[in-house]
Protein backbone atom coordinates (compact mmCIF):
# COMPACT_ATOMS: atom_id res chain seq x y z
CA UNK A 1 13.65 31.40 -20.03
CA UNK A 2 13.35 28.58 -22.56
CA UNK A 3 9.83 27.72 -21.47
CA UNK A 4 8.80 31.35 -21.96
CA UNK A 5 10.16 31.30 -25.52
CA UNK A 6 8.35 28.04 -26.26
CA UNK A 7 5.14 29.53 -24.85
CA UNK A 8 5.50 32.54 -27.16
CA UNK A 9 6.06 30.32 -30.18
CA UNK A 10 3.06 28.15 -29.32
CA UNK A 11 0.90 31.24 -28.82
CA UNK A 12 1.58 32.17 -32.44
CA UNK A 13 1.16 28.65 -33.81
CA UNK A 14 -0.21 26.13 -31.28
CA UNK A 15 0.08 22.93 -33.29
CA UNK A 16 3.86 22.59 -33.40
CA UNK A 17 4.81 19.11 -32.22
CA UNK A 18 8.52 19.92 -32.18
CA UNK A 19 8.05 22.98 -29.95
CA UNK A 20 5.72 21.04 -27.66
CA UNK A 21 8.41 18.35 -27.38
CA UNK A 22 11.07 20.91 -26.57
CA UNK A 23 8.85 22.48 -23.92
CA UNK A 24 8.06 19.03 -22.52
CA UNK A 25 11.77 18.35 -22.19
CA UNK A 26 12.32 21.73 -20.52
CA UNK A 27 9.55 20.89 -18.03
CA UNK A 28 11.18 17.50 -17.44
CA UNK A 29 14.51 19.14 -16.67
CA UNK A 30 12.69 21.49 -14.26
CA UNK A 31 11.02 18.41 -12.72
CA UNK A 32 7.58 19.73 -13.61
CA UNK A 33 6.56 16.28 -14.77
CA UNK A 34 2.81 16.86 -15.05
CA UNK A 35 3.33 19.76 -17.48
CA UNK A 36 5.93 17.73 -19.35
CA UNK A 37 3.56 14.79 -19.71
CA UNK A 38 0.78 17.05 -20.98
CA UNK A 39 3.06 18.63 -23.58
CA UNK A 40 4.62 15.41 -24.82
CA UNK A 41 1.23 13.73 -25.10
CA UNK A 42 -0.06 16.68 -27.12
CA UNK A 43 3.01 16.42 -29.37
CA UNK A 44 2.45 12.67 -29.84
CA UNK A 45 -1.20 13.30 -30.68
CA UNK A 46 -0.14 15.83 -33.35
CA UNK A 47 2.70 13.76 -34.83
CA UNK A 48 2.47 10.07 -33.86
CA UNK A 49 4.95 9.21 -36.63
CA UNK A 50 7.76 11.00 -34.73
CA UNK A 51 9.03 8.09 -32.69
CA UNK A 52 11.58 10.24 -30.86
CA UNK A 53 8.68 11.78 -28.94
CA UNK A 54 8.23 8.44 -27.21
CA UNK A 55 11.81 8.73 -25.93
CA UNK A 56 10.94 11.94 -24.07
CA UNK A 57 7.76 10.32 -22.77
CA UNK A 58 9.83 7.41 -21.49
CA UNK A 59 12.36 9.72 -19.84
CA UNK A 60 9.60 11.52 -17.97
CA UNK A 61 8.10 8.25 -16.75
CA UNK A 62 11.55 6.96 -15.78
CA UNK A 63 12.36 10.09 -13.79
CA UNK A 64 8.99 9.85 -12.07
CA UNK A 65 9.93 6.32 -10.99
CA UNK A 66 7.20 4.72 -13.09
CA UNK A 67 9.49 2.38 -15.07
């Protein structure tokens, strides 16, 4: 449900780092790590100054067993 809402928001305005980060976290919770990584990387590319995005990136890598 949340992912659908994030998709709708991004369809209207694609370059929203905060919505991409929220969707990345929703994908992480769903264990869809590849989609989560793609979203969080896109968010980081849009807003590299938002250091909290790196936290989500780290969580995804941790849960994938890569840390």
